[in-house]
PDB file of all heavy atoms in Angstrom:
ATOM      1  N   VAL A   1      31.365   4.805 -23.074  1.00  0.00           N
ATOM      2  CA  VAL A   1      30.328   3.770 -23.050  1.00  0.00           C
ATOM      3  C   VAL A   1      28.960   4.403 -23.260  1.00  0.00           C
ATOM      4  O   VAL A   1      28.560   5.309 -22.520  1.00  0.00           O
ATOM      5  CB  VAL A   1      30.357   2.997 -21.716  1.00  0.00           C
ATOM      6  CG1 VAL A   1      29.189   2.023 -21.632  1.00  0.00           C
ATOM      7  CG2 VAL A   1      31.681   2.257 -21.571  1.00  0.00           C
ATOM      8  N   LEU A   2      28.249   3.899 -24.253  1.00  0.00           N
ATOM      9  CA  LEU A   2      26.880   4.339 -24.532  1.00  0.00           C
ATOM     10  C   LEU A   2      25.931   3.340 -23.886  1.00  0.00           C
ATOM     11  O   LEU A   2      25.851   2.179 -24.306  1.00  0.00           O
ATOM     12  CB  LEU A   2      26.651   4.406 -26.046  1.00  0.00           C
ATOM     13  CG  LEU A   2      25.395   5.133 -26.536  1.00  0.00           C
ATOM     14  CD1 LEU A   2      25.461   6.619 -26.192  1.00  0.00           C
ATOM     15  CD2 LEU A   2      25.210   4.946 -28.035  1.00  0.00           C
ATOM     16  N   MET A   3      25.233   3.780 -22.849  1.00  0.00           N
ATOM     17  CA  MET A   3      24.300   2.899 -22.143  1.00  0.00           C
ATOM     18  C   MET A   3      23.092   2.588 -23.029  1.00  0.00           C
ATOM     19  O   MET A   3      22.795   3.319 -23.975  1.00  0.00           O
ATOM     20  CB  MET A   3      23.866   3.554 -20.840  1.00  0.00           C
ATOM     21  CG  MET A   3      24.961   3.652 -19.793  1.00  0.00           C
ATOM     22  SD  MET A   3      25.436   2.037 -19.135  1.00  0.00           S
ATOM     23  CE  MET A   3      23.988   1.639 -18.127  1.00  0.00           C
ATOM     24  N   PRO A   4      22.360   1.496 -22.724  1.00  0.00           N
ATOM     25  CA  PRO A   4      21.221   1.113 -23.557  1.00  0.00           C
ATOM     26  C   PRO A   4      20.146   2.198 -23.613  1.00  0.00           C
ATOM     27  O   PRO A   4      19.995   3.001 -22.684  1.00  0.00           O
ATOM     28  CB  PRO A   4      20.675  -0.139 -22.864  1.00  0.00           C
ATOM     29  CG  PRO A   4      21.795  -0.652 -22.046  1.00  0.00           C
ATOM     30  CD  PRO A   4      22.595   0.547 -21.634  1.00  0.00           C
ATOM     31  N   SER A   5      19.393   2.203 -24.688  1.00  0.00           N
ATOM     32  CA  SER A   5      18.297   3.155 -24.848  1.00  0.00           C
ATOM     33  C   SER A   5      17.197   2.886 -23.832  1.00  0.00           C
ATOM     34  O   SER A   5      16.880   1.734 -23.527  1.00  0.00           O
ATOM     35  CB  SER A   5      17.718   3.050 -26.268  1.00  0.00           C
ATOM     36  OG  SER A   5      16.595   3.882 -26.406  1.00  0.00           O
ATOM     37  N   VAL A   6      16.608   3.957 -23.303  1.00  0.00           N
ATOM     38  CA  VAL A   6      15.515   3.822 -22.338  1.00  0.00           C
ATOM     39  C   VAL A   6      14.257   4.561 -22.809  1.00  0.00           C
ATOM     40  O   VAL A   6      13.261   4.605 -22.102  1.00  0.00           O
ATOM     41  CB  VAL A   6      15.931   4.355 -20.948  1.00  0.00           C
ATOM     42  CG1 VAL A   6      17.025   3.495 -20.344  1.00  0.00           C
ATOM     43  CG2 VAL A   6      16.384   5.812 -21.040  1.00  0.00           C
ATOM     44  N   MET A   7      14.323   5.153 -24.000  1.00  0.00           N
ATOM     45  CA  MET A   7      13.213   5.976 -24.466  1.00  0.00           C
ATOM     46  C   MET A   7      12.775   5.527 -25.855  1.00  0.00           C
ATOM     47  O   MET A   7      13.552   4.959 -26.613  1.00  0.00           O
ATOM     48  CB  MET A   7      13.608   7.460 -24.525  1.00  0.00           C
ATOM     49  CG  MET A   7      14.010   8.067 -23.214  1.00  0.00           C
ATOM     50  SD  MET A   7      14.561   9.779 -23.403  1.00  0.00           S
ATOM     51  CE  MET A   7      13.061  10.574 -23.977  1.00  0.00           C
ATOM     52  N   LYS A   8      11.506   5.820 -26.154  1.00  0.00           N
ATOM     53  CA  LYS A   8      10.989   5.654 -27.503  1.00  0.00           C
ATOM     54  C   LYS A   8      10.408   6.983 -27.933  1.00  0.00           C
ATOM     55  O   LYS A   8       9.384   7.422 -27.397  1.00  0.00           O
ATOM     56  CB  LYS A   8       9.903   4.567 -27.550  1.00  0.00           C
ATOM     57  CG  LYS A   8      10.441   3.152 -27.643  1.00  0.00           C
ATOM     58  CD  LYS A   8       9.310   2.155 -27.892  1.00  0.00           C
ATOM     59  CE  LYS A   8       9.868   0.752 -28.081  1.00  0.00           C
ATOM     60  NZ  LYS A   8       8.782  -0.226 -28.334  1.00  0.00           N
ATOM     61  N   TYR A   9      11.067   7.627 -28.857  1.00  0.00           N
ATOM     62  CA  TYR A   9      10.555   8.915 -29.314  1.00  0.00           C
ATOM     63  C   TYR A   9       9.383   8.679 -30.255  1.00  0.00           C
ATOM     64  O   TYR A   9       9.470   7.913 -31.207  1.00  0.00           O
ATOM     65  CB  TYR A   9      11.651   9.707 -30.026  1.00  0.00           C
ATOM     66  CG  TYR A   9      11.159  11.047 -30.516  1.00  0.00           C
ATOM     67  CD1 TYR A   9      11.074  12.120 -29.644  1.00  0.00           C
ATOM     68  CD2 TYR A   9      10.734  11.228 -31.831  1.00  0.00           C
ATOM     69  CE1 TYR A   9      10.607  13.348 -30.070  1.00  0.00           C
ATOM     70  CE2 TYR A   9      10.265  12.448 -32.263  1.00  0.00           C
ATOM     71  CZ  TYR A   9      10.199  13.505 -31.380  1.00  0.00           C
ATOM     72  OH  TYR A   9       9.720  14.719 -31.793  1.00  0.00           O
ATOM     73  N   GLN A  10       8.288   9.340 -29.963  1.00  0.00           N
ATOM     74  CA  GLN A  10       7.113   9.249 -30.813  1.00  0.00           C
ATOM     75  C   GLN A  10       6.586  10.641 -31.094  1.00  0.00           C
ATOM     76  O   GLN A  10       6.555  11.494 -30.210  1.00  0.00           O
ATOM     77  CB  GLN A  10       6.012   8.415 -30.139  1.00  0.00           C
ATOM     78  CG  GLN A  10       6.379   6.940 -29.996  1.00  0.00           C
ATOM     79  CD  GLN A  10       5.265   6.149 -29.327  1.00  0.00           C
ATOM     80  OE1 GLN A  10       4.627   6.623 -28.394  1.00  0.00           O
ATOM     81  NE2 GLN A  10       5.042   4.943 -29.800  1.00  0.00           N
ATOM     82  N   ILE A  11       6.182  10.851 -32.326  1.00  0.00           N
ATOM     83  CA  ILE A  11       5.603  12.124 -32.695  1.00  0.00           C
ATOM     84  C   ILE A  11       4.323  12.353 -31.885  1.00  0.00           C
ATOM     85  O   ILE A  11       3.473  11.468 -31.772  1.00  0.00           O
ATOM     86  CB  ILE A  11       5.270  12.171 -34.198  1.00  0.00           C
ATOM     87  CG1 ILE A  11       6.547  12.038 -35.031  1.00  0.00           C
ATOM     88  CG2 ILE A  11       4.539  13.460 -34.552  1.00  0.00           C
ATOM     89  CD1 ILE A  11       7.515  13.175 -34.870  1.00  0.00           C
ATOM     90  N   SER A  12       4.198  13.534 -31.303  1.00  0.00           N
ATOM     91  CA  SER A  12       2.996  13.886 -30.546  1.00  0.00           C
ATOM     92  C   SER A  12       2.176  14.885 -31.342  1.00  0.00           C
ATOM     93  O   SER A  12       2.700  15.880 -31.851  1.00  0.00           O
ATOM     94  CB  SER A  12       3.368  14.499 -29.191  1.00  0.00           C
ATOM     95  OG  SER A  12       2.219  14.990 -28.529  1.00  0.00           O
ATOM     96  N   PHE A  13       0.886  14.609 -31.450  1.00  0.00           N
ATOM     97  CA  PHE A  13      -0.008  15.520 -32.141  1.00  0.00           C
ATOM     98  C   PHE A  13      -0.831  16.359 -31.158  1.00  0.00           C
ATOM     99  O   PHE A  13      -1.760  17.045 -31.543  1.00  0.00           O
ATOM    100  CB  PHE A  13      -0.931  14.729 -33.087  1.00  0.00           C
ATOM    101  CG  PHE A  13      -0.190  14.062 -34.196  1.00  0.00           C
ATOM    102  CD1 PHE A  13       0.222  12.743 -34.084  1.00  0.00           C
ATOM    103  CD2 PHE A  13       0.136  14.760 -35.346  1.00  0.00           C
ATOM    104  CE1 PHE A  13       0.932  12.124 -35.105  1.00  0.00           C
ATOM    105  CE2 PHE A  13       0.838  14.154 -36.373  1.00  0.00           C
ATOM    106  CZ  PHE A  13       1.235  12.833 -36.257  1.00  0.00           C
ATOM    107  N   GLU A  14      -0.426  16.288 -29.878  1.00  0.00           N
ATOM    108  CA  GLU A  14      -1.055  17.090 -28.842  1.00  0.00           C
ATOM    109  C   GLU A  14      -0.215  18.344 -28.605  1.00  0.00           C
ATOM    110  O   GLU A  14       1.002  18.324 -28.774  1.00  0.00           O
ATOM    111  CB  GLU A  14      -1.168  16.291 -27.536  1.00  0.00           C
ATOM    112  CG  GLU A  14      -2.024  15.039 -27.647  1.00  0.00           C
ATOM    113  CD  GLU A  14      -3.471  15.356 -27.984  1.00  0.00           C
ATOM    114  OE1 GLU A  14      -3.969  16.392 -27.498  1.00  0.00           O
ATOM    115  OE2 GLU A  14      -4.089  14.579 -28.739  1.00  0.00           O
ATOM    116  N   PRO A  15      -0.842  19.453 -28.193  1.00  0.00           N
ATOM    117  CA  PRO A  15      -0.053  20.657 -27.888  1.00  0.00           C
ATOM    118  C   PRO A  15       0.891  20.398 -26.720  1.00  0.00           C
ATOM    119  O   PRO A  15       0.541  19.672 -25.784  1.00  0.00           O
ATOM    120  CB  PRO A  15      -1.114  21.705 -27.538  1.00  0.00           C
ATOM    121  CG  PRO A  15      -2.335  20.923 -27.175  1.00  0.00           C
ATOM    122  CD  PRO A  15      -2.289  19.670 -27.988  1.00  0.00           C
ATOM    123  N   MET A  16       2.054  20.982 -26.776  1.00  0.00           N
ATOM    124  CA  MET A  16       3.040  20.753 -25.728  1.00  0.00           C
ATOM    125  C   MET A  16       2.669  21.469 -24.434  1.00  0.00           C
ATOM    126  O   MET A  16       2.975  21.001 -23.347  1.00  0.00           O
ATOM    127  CB  MET A  16       4.416  21.222 -26.195  1.00  0.00           C
ATOM    128  CG  MET A  16       4.908  20.477 -27.416  1.00  0.00           C
ATOM    129  SD  MET A  16       6.597  20.883 -27.803  1.00  0.00           S
ATOM    130  CE  MET A  16       7.417  20.202 -26.390  1.00  0.00           C
ATOM    131  N   ALA A  17       2.047  22.620 -24.554  1.00  0.00           N
ATOM    132  CA  ALA A  17       1.623  23.373 -23.369  1.00  0.00           C
ATOM    133  C   ALA A  17       0.104  23.311 -23.268  1.00  0.00           C
ATOM    134  O   ALA A  17      -0.595  23.304 -24.290  1.00  0.00           O
ATOM    135  CB  ALA A  17       2.086  24.818 -23.461  1.00  0.00           C
ATOM    136  N   ARG A  18      -0.387  23.243 -22.054  1.00  0.00           N
ATOM    137  CA  ARG A  18      -1.843  23.234 -21.890  1.00  0.00           C
ATOM    138  C   ARG A  18      -2.226  23.921 -20.587  1.00  0.00           C
ATOM    139  O   ARG A  18      -1.433  23.991 -19.640  1.00  0.00           O
ATOM    140  CB  ARG A  18      -2.401  21.809 -21.921  1.00  0.00           C
ATOM    141  CG  ARG A  18      -1.962  20.929 -20.777  1.00  0.00           C
ATOM    142  CD  ARG A  18      -2.452  19.507 -20.953  1.00  0.00           C
ATOM    143  NE  ARG A  18      -2.047  18.654 -19.835  1.00  0.00           N
ATOM    144  CZ  ARG A  18      -2.773  18.484 -18.732  1.00  0.00           C
ATOM    145  NH1 ARG A  18      -3.927  19.119 -18.590  1.00  0.00           N
ATOM    146  NH2 ARG A  18      -2.353  17.695 -17.759  1.00  0.00           N
ATOM    147  N   ARG A  19      -3.441  24.419 -20.579  1.00  0.00           N
ATOM    148  CA  ARG A  19      -4.026  24.984 -19.365  1.00  0.00           C
ATOM    149  C   ARG A  19      -5.150  24.070 -18.888  1.00  0.00           C
ATOM    150  O   ARG A  19      -5.656  23.247 -19.641  1.00  0.00           O
ATOM    151  CB  ARG A  19      -4.566  26.388 -19.632  1.00  0.00           C
ATOM    152  CG  ARG A  19      -3.468  27.428 -19.939  1.00  0.00           C
ATOM    153  CD  ARG A  19      -4.050  28.832 -19.852  1.00  0.00           C
ATOM    154  NE  ARG A  19      -3.064  29.855 -20.186  1.00  0.00           N
ATOM    155  CZ  ARG A  19      -2.197  30.373 -19.324  1.00  0.00           C
ATOM    156  NH1 ARG A  19      -2.186  29.942 -18.071  1.00  0.00           N
ATOM    157  NH2 ARG A  19      -1.357  31.314 -19.686  1.00  0.00           N
ATOM    158  N   HIS A  20      -5.521  24.241 -17.637  1.00  0.00           N
ATOM    159  CA  HIS A  20      -6.670  23.501 -17.130  1.00  0.00           C
ATOM    160  C   HIS A  20      -7.932  23.938 -17.870  1.00  0.00           C
ATOM    161  O   HIS A  20      -8.108  25.113 -18.207  1.00  0.00           O
ATOM    162  CB  HIS A  20      -6.855  23.760 -15.631  1.00  0.00           C
ATOM    163  CG  HIS A  20      -6.053  22.845 -14.765  1.00  0.00           C
ATOM    164  ND1 HIS A  20      -6.234  21.481 -14.756  1.00  0.00           N
ATOM    165  CD2 HIS A  20      -5.069  23.104 -13.849  1.00  0.00           C
ATOM    166  CE1 HIS A  20      -5.412  20.930 -13.891  1.00  0.00           C
ATOM    167  NE2 HIS A  20      -4.687  21.887 -13.327  1.00  0.00           N
ATOM    168  N   THR A  21      -8.801  22.978 -18.106  1.00  0.00           N
ATOM    169  CA  THR A  21     -10.137  23.257 -18.625  1.00  0.00           C
ATOM    170  C   THR A  21     -11.134  23.151 -17.483  1.00  0.00           C
ATOM    171  O   THR A  21     -10.786  22.706 -16.375  1.00  0.00           O
ATOM    172  CB  THR A  21     -10.517  22.256 -19.720  1.00  0.00           C
ATOM    173  OG1 THR A  21     -10.561  20.929 -19.132  1.00  0.00           O
ATOM    174  CG2 THR A  21      -9.490  22.261 -20.848  1.00  0.00           C
ATOM    175  N   GLU A  22     -12.364  23.534 -17.732  1.00  0.00           N
ATOM    176  CA  GLU A  22     -13.397  23.379 -16.706  1.00  0.00           C
ATOM    177  C   GLU A  22     -13.523  21.916 -16.294  1.00  0.00           C
ATOM    178  O   GLU A  22     -13.706  21.611 -15.112  1.00  0.00           O
ATOM    179  CB  GLU A  22     -14.743  23.907 -17.227  1.00  0.00           C
ATOM    180  CG  GLU A  22     -14.815  25.423 -17.329  1.00  0.00           C
ATOM    181  CD  GLU A  22     -16.215  25.912 -17.675  1.00  0.00           C
ATOM    182  OE1 GLU A  22     -17.164  25.110 -17.531  1.00  0.00           O
ATOM    183  OE2 GLU A  22     -16.356  27.075 -18.073  1.00  0.00           O
ATOM    184  N   GLU A  23     -13.402  21.026 -17.263  1.00  0.00           N
ATOM    185  CA  GLU A  23     -13.528  19.605 -16.964  1.00  0.00           C
ATOM    186  C   GLU A  23     -12.353  19.108 -16.124  1.00  0.00           C
ATOM    187  O   GLU A  23     -12.543  18.362 -15.150  1.00  0.00           O
ATOM    188  CB  GLU A  23     -13.607  18.805 -18.259  1.00  0.00           C
ATOM    189  CG  GLU A  23     -13.751  17.294 -18.067  1.00  0.00           C
ATOM    190  CD  GLU A  23     -14.994  16.911 -17.271  1.00  0.00           C
ATOM    191  OE1 GLU A  23     -16.004  17.647 -17.319  1.00  0.00           O
ATOM    192  OE2 GLU A  23     -14.943  15.869 -16.571  1.00  0.00           O
ATOM    193  N   SER A  24     -11.133  19.512 -16.464  1.00  0.00           N
ATOM    194  CA  SER A  24      -9.975  19.043 -15.694  1.00  0.00           C
ATOM    195  C   SER A  24      -9.971  19.632 -14.283  1.00  0.00           C
ATOM    196  O   SER A  24      -9.558  18.969 -13.329  1.00  0.00           O
ATOM    197  CB  SER A  24      -8.670  19.375 -16.422  1.00  0.00           C
ATOM    198  OG  SER A  24      -8.467  20.774 -16.528  1.00  0.00           O
ATOM    199  N   LEU A  25     -10.449  20.870 -14.130  1.00  0.00           N
ATOM    200  CA  LEU A  25     -10.566  21.450 -12.791  1.00  0.00           C
ATOM    201  C   LEU A  25     -11.628  20.727 -11.976  1.00  0.00           C
ATOM    202  O   LEU A  25     -11.460  20.491 -10.770  1.00  0.00           O
ATOM    203  CB  LEU A  25     -10.888  22.940 -12.879  1.00  0.00           C
ATOM    204  CG  LEU A  25      -9.734  23.856 -13.297  1.00  0.00           C
ATOM    205  CD1 LEU A  25     -10.225  25.268 -13.541  1.00  0.00           C
ATOM    206  CD2 LEU A  25      -8.619  23.858 -12.237  1.00  0.00           C
ATOM    207  N   LYS A  26     -12.710  20.337 -12.635  1.00  0.00           N
ATOM    208  CA  LYS A  26     -13.759  19.575 -11.949  1.00  0.00           C
ATOM    209  C   LYS A  26     -13.207  18.242 -11.463  1.00  0.00           C
ATOM    210  O   LYS A  26     -13.467  17.815 -10.327  1.00  0.00           O
ATOM    211  CB  LYS A  26     -14.935  19.346 -12.891  1.00  0.00           C
ATOM    212  CG  LYS A  26     -16.074  18.545 -12.280  1.00  0.00           C
ATOM    213  CD  LYS A  26     -17.197  18.314 -13.299  1.00  0.00           C
ATOM    214  CE  LYS A  26     -18.297  17.438 -12.695  1.00  0.00           C
ATOM    215  NZ  LYS A  26     -19.356  17.132 -13.680  1.00  0.00           N
ATOM    216  N   GLN A  27     -12.407  17.587 -12.303  1.00  0.00           N
ATOM    217  CA  GLN A  27     -11.806  16.316 -11.908  1.00  0.00           C
ATOM    218  C   GLN A  27     -10.810  16.506 -10.764  1.00  0.00           C
ATOM    219  O   GLN A  27     -10.712  15.666  -9.863  1.00  0.00           O
ATOM    220  CB  GLN A  27     -11.116  15.682 -13.110  1.00  0.00           C
ATOM    221  CG  GLN A  27     -12.070  15.216 -14.196  1.00  0.00           C
ATOM    222  CD  GLN A  27     -11.338  14.744 -15.438  1.00  0.00           C
ATOM    223  OE1 GLN A  27     -10.118  14.804 -15.540  1.00  0.00           O
ATOM    224  NE2 GLN A  27     -12.106  14.271 -16.423  1.00  0.00           N
ATOM    225  N   THR A  28     -10.094  17.624 -10.778  1.00  0.00           N
ATOM    226  CA  THR A  28      -9.144  17.912  -9.700  1.00  0.00           C
ATOM    227  C   THR A  28      -9.869  18.126  -8.378  1.00  0.00           C
ATOM    228  O   THR A  28      -9.387  17.732  -7.305  1.00  0.00           O
ATOM    229  CB  THR A  28      -8.310  19.166 -10.040  1.00  0.00           C
ATOM    230  OG1 THR A  28      -7.605  18.937 -11.256  1.00  0.00           O
ATOM    231  CG2 THR A  28      -7.314  19.496  -8.939  1.00  0.00           C
ATOM    232  N   ALA A  29     -11.042  18.748  -8.451  1.00  0.00           N
ATOM    233  CA  ALA A  29     -11.813  19.025  -7.236  1.00  0.00           C
ATOM    234  C   ALA A  29     -12.452  17.769  -6.652  1.00  0.00           C
ATOM    235  O   ALA A  29     -12.707  17.694  -5.452  1.00  0.00           O
ATOM    236  CB  ALA A  29     -12.886  20.068  -7.523  1.00  0.00           C
ATOM    237  N   GLU A  30     -12.726  16.783  -7.508  1.00  0.00           N
ATOM    238  CA  GLU A  30     -13.364  15.555  -7.024  1.00  0.00           C
ATOM    239  C   GLU A  30     -12.349  14.726  -6.239  1.00  0.00           C
ATOM    240  O   GLU A  30     -11.238  14.484  -6.695  1.00  0.00           O
ATOM    241  CB  GLU A  30     -13.903  14.753  -8.198  1.00  0.00           C
ATOM    242  CG  GLU A  30     -15.088  15.423  -8.886  1.00  0.00           C
ATOM    243  CD  GLU A  30     -15.540  14.683 -10.132  1.00  0.00           C
ATOM    244  OE1 GLU A  30     -14.825  13.733 -10.545  1.00  0.00           O
ATOM    245  OE2 GLU A  30     -16.584  15.047 -10.694  1.00  0.00           O
ATOM    246  N   TYR A  31     -12.767  14.285  -5.069  1.00  0.00           N
ATOM    247  CA  TYR A  31     -11.858  13.543  -4.188  1.00  0.00           C
ATOM    248  C   TYR A  31     -12.645  12.450  -3.462  1.00  0.00           C
ATOM    249  O   TYR A  31     -13.036  12.607  -2.313  1.00  0.00           O
ATOM    250  CB  TYR A  31     -11.211  14.497  -3.186  1.00  0.00           C
ATOM    251  CG  TYR A  31     -10.126  13.882  -2.329  1.00  0.00           C
ATOM    252  CD1 TYR A  31      -9.248  12.938  -2.840  1.00  0.00           C
ATOM    253  CD2 TYR A  31      -9.968  14.265  -1.005  1.00  0.00           C
ATOM    254  CE1 TYR A  31      -8.248  12.387  -2.065  1.00  0.00           C
ATOM    255  CE2 TYR A  31      -8.964  13.723  -0.203  1.00  0.00           C
ATOM    256  CZ  TYR A  31      -8.110  12.786  -0.745  1.00  0.00           C
ATOM    257  OH  TYR A  31      -7.116  12.240   0.037  1.00  0.00           O
ATOM    258  N   PRO A  32     -12.865  11.329  -4.144  1.00  0.00           N
ATOM    259  CA  PRO A  32     -13.661  10.270  -3.527  1.00  0.00           C
ATOM    260  C   PRO A  32     -12.952   9.650  -2.335  1.00  0.00           C
ATOM    261  O   PRO A  32     -11.717   9.655  -2.246  1.00  0.00           O
ATOM    262  CB  PRO A  32     -13.822   9.250  -4.665  1.00  0.00           C
ATOM    263  CG  PRO A  32     -12.661   9.501  -5.557  1.00  0.00           C
ATOM    264  CD  PRO A  32     -12.380  10.964  -5.480  1.00  0.00           C
ATOM    265  N   ILE A  33     -13.719   9.127  -1.406  1.00  0.00           N
ATOM    266  CA  ILE A  33     -13.160   8.456  -0.237  1.00  0.00           C
ATOM    267  C   ILE A  33     -12.743   7.052  -0.672  1.00  0.00           C
ATOM    268  O   ILE A  33     -13.573   6.222  -1.022  1.00  0.00           O
ATOM    269  CB  ILE A  33     -14.183   8.385   0.907  1.00  0.00           C
ATOM    270  CG1 ILE A  33     -14.552   9.798   1.361  1.00  0.00           C
ATOM    271  CG2 ILE A  33     -13.626   7.575   2.078  1.00  0.00           C
ATOM    272  CD1 ILE A  33     -15.661   9.847   2.381  1.00  0.00           C
ATOM    273  N   THR A  34     -11.464   6.800  -0.684  1.00  0.00           N
ATOM    274  CA  THR A  34     -10.945   5.507  -1.123  1.00  0.00           C
ATOM    275  C   THR A  34      -9.960   4.995  -0.097  1.00  0.00           C
ATOM    276  O   THR A  34      -9.483   5.735   0.765  1.00  0.00           O
ATOM    277  CB  THR A  34     -10.218   5.631  -2.476  1.00  0.00           C
ATOM    278  OG1 THR A  34      -9.199   6.623  -2.359  1.00  0.00           O
ATOM    279  CG2 THR A  34     -11.183   6.039  -3.578  1.00  0.00           C
ATOM    280  N   LYS A  35      -9.644   3.718  -0.206  1.00  0.00           N
ATOM    281  CA  LYS A  35      -8.680   3.114   0.701  1.00  0.00           C
ATOM    282  C   LYS A  35      -7.289   3.626   0.367  1.00  0.00           C
ATOM    283  O   LYS A  35      -6.847   3.590  -0.777  1.00  0.00           O
ATOM    284  CB  LYS A  35      -8.712   1.590   0.566  1.00  0.00           C
ATOM    285  CG  LYS A  35      -7.772   0.873   1.533  1.00  0.00           C
ATOM    286  CD  LYS A  35      -7.886  -0.631   1.364  1.00  0.00           C
ATOM    287  CE  LYS A  35      -6.929  -1.348   2.329  1.00  0.00           C
ATOM    288  NZ  LYS A  35      -7.022  -2.828   2.174  1.00  0.00           N
ATOM    289  N   VAL A  36      -6.597   4.127   1.385  1.00  0.00           N
ATOM    290  CA  VAL A  36      -5.245   4.628   1.177  1.00  0.00           C
ATOM    291  C   VAL A  36      -4.289   3.448   1.063  1.00  0.00           C
ATOM    292  O   VAL A  36      -4.254   2.576   1.933  1.00  0.00           O
ATOM    293  CB  VAL A  36      -4.811   5.556   2.331  1.00  0.00           C
ATOM    294  CG1 VAL A  36      -3.367   6.008   2.128  1.00  0.00           C
ATOM    295  CG2 VAL A  36      -5.734   6.752   2.417  1.00  0.00           C
ATOM    296  N   ARG A  37      -3.541   3.399   0.001  1.00  0.00           N
ATOM    297  CA  ARG A  37      -2.595   2.310  -0.212  1.00  0.00           C
ATOM    298  C   ARG A  37      -1.182   2.795   0.086  1.00  0.00           C
ATOM    299  O   ARG A  37      -0.782   3.863  -0.369  1.00  0.00           O
ATOM    300  CB  ARG A  37      -2.674   1.816  -1.661  1.00  0.00           C
ATOM    301  CG  ARG A  37      -4.041   1.244  -2.008  1.00  0.00           C
ATOM    302  CD  ARG A  37      -4.093   0.817  -3.463  1.00  0.00           C
ATOM    303  NE  ARG A  37      -5.413   0.284  -3.804  1.00  0.00           N
ATOM    304  CZ  ARG A  37      -5.765  -0.115  -5.019  1.00  0.00           C
ATOM    305  NH1 ARG A  37      -4.886  -0.023  -6.009  1.00  0.00           N
ATOM    306  NH2 ARG A  37      -6.968  -0.585  -5.245  1.00  0.00           N
ATOM    307  N   PRO A  38      -0.418   2.020   0.848  1.00  0.00           N
ATOM    308  CA  PRO A  38       0.953   2.452   1.151  1.00  0.00           C
ATOM    309  C   PRO A  38       1.793   2.505  -0.118  1.00  0.00           C
ATOM    310  O   PRO A  38       1.625   1.693  -1.030  1.00  0.00           O
ATOM    311  CB  PRO A  38       1.458   1.366   2.113  1.00  0.00           C
ATOM    312  CG  PRO A  38       0.601   0.178   1.823  1.00  0.00           C
ATOM    313  CD  PRO A  38      -0.744   0.720   1.432  1.00  0.00           C
ATOM    314  N   ARG A  39       2.697   3.463  -0.165  1.00  0.00           N
ATOM    315  CA  ARG A  39       3.581   3.568  -1.316  1.00  0.00           C
ATOM    316  C   ARG A  39       4.574   2.417  -1.304  1.00  0.00           C
ATOM    317  O   ARG A  39       5.100   2.031  -0.264  1.00  0.00           O
ATOM    318  CB  ARG A  39       4.318   4.901  -1.299  1.00  0.00           C
ATOM    319  CG  ARG A  39       3.400   6.090  -1.432  1.00  0.00           C
ATOM    320  CD  ARG A  39       4.173   7.387  -1.478  1.00  0.00           C
ATOM    321  NE  ARG A  39       4.976   7.481  -2.695  1.00  0.00           N
ATOM    322  CZ  ARG A  39       5.732   8.533  -2.989  1.00  0.00           C
ATOM    323  NH1 ARG A  39       5.796   9.548  -2.165  1.00  0.00           N
ATOM    324  NH2 ARG A  39       6.430   8.564  -4.095  1.00  0.00           N
ATOM    325  N   GLN A  40       4.841   1.864  -2.480  1.00  0.00           N
ATOM    326  CA  GLN A  40       5.768   0.752  -2.599  1.00  0.00           C
ATOM    327  C   GLN A  40       6.907   1.131  -3.532  1.00  0.00           C
ATOM    328  O   GLN A  40       6.715   1.850  -4.513  1.00  0.00           O
ATOM    329  CB  GLN A  40       5.043  -0.489  -3.132  1.00  0.00           C
ATOM    330  CG  GLN A  40       3.948  -0.989  -2.194  1.00  0.00           C
ATOM    331  CD  GLN A  40       3.230  -2.197  -2.769  1.00  0.00           C
ATOM    332  OE1 GLN A  40       3.256  -2.426  -3.972  1.00  0.00           O
ATOM    333  NE2 GLN A  40       2.602  -2.970  -1.913  1.00  0.00           N
ATOM    334  N   ARG A  41       8.076   0.636  -3.214  1.00  0.00           N
ATOM    335  CA  ARG A  41       9.231   0.888  -4.075  1.00  0.00           C
ATOM    336  C   ARG A  41       9.021   0.183  -5.408  1.00  0.00           C
ATOM    337  O   ARG A  41       8.664  -0.996  -5.465  1.00  0.00           O
ATOM    338  CB  ARG A  41      10.506   0.397  -3.398  1.00  0.00           C
ATOM    339  CG  ARG A  41      11.771   0.659  -4.225  1.00  0.00           C
ATOM    340  CD  ARG A  41      12.998   0.157  -3.476  1.00  0.00           C
ATOM    341  NE  ARG A  41      13.235   0.922  -2.275  1.00  0.00           N
ATOM    342  CZ  ARG A  41      13.907   2.063  -2.244  1.00  0.00           C
ATOM    343  NH1 ARG A  41      14.397   2.571  -3.369  1.00  0.00           N
ATOM    344  NH2 ARG A  41      14.102   2.702  -1.106  1.00  0.00           N
ATOM    345  N   ARG A  42       9.256   0.912  -6.488  1.00  0.00           N
ATOM    346  CA  ARG A  42       9.108   0.326  -7.808  1.00  0.00           C
ATOM    347  C   ARG A  42      10.290  -0.585  -8.117  1.00  0.00           C
ATOM    348  O   ARG A  42      11.420  -0.298  -7.774  1.00  0.00           O
ATOM    349  CB  ARG A  42       9.033   1.424  -8.872  1.00  0.00           C
ATOM    350  CG  ARG A  42       7.809   2.319  -8.736  1.00  0.00           C
ATOM    351  CD  ARG A  42       7.896   3.464  -9.735  1.00  0.00           C
ATOM    352  NE  ARG A  42       6.754   4.369  -9.591  1.00  0.00           N
ATOM    353  CZ  ARG A  42       6.664   5.524 -10.222  1.00  0.00           C
ATOM    354  NH1 ARG A  42       7.627   5.919 -11.037  1.00  0.00           N
ATOM    355  NH2 ARG A  42       5.604   6.296 -10.049  1.00  0.00           N
ATOM    356  N   ALA A  43      10.000  -1.680  -8.799  1.00  0.00           N
ATOM    357  CA  ALA A  43      11.064  -2.574  -9.216  1.00  0.00           C
ATOM    358  C   ALA A  43      11.937  -1.873 -10.255  1.00  0.00           C
ATOM    359  O   ALA A  43      11.466  -1.048 -11.036  1.00  0.00           O
ATOM    360  CB  ALA A  43      10.468  -3.847  -9.802  1.00  0.00           C
TER     361      ALA A  43
END
């Protein structure tokens, strides 16, 4: 039995491997005070 497809293959023009940049590290360091939302089970 071949189960239904769950993926859509699309050509990616982005590099497969990447390192953090100064900008992405800056975003990682930023941690605004926000309301914590409880985790919910996905449908």
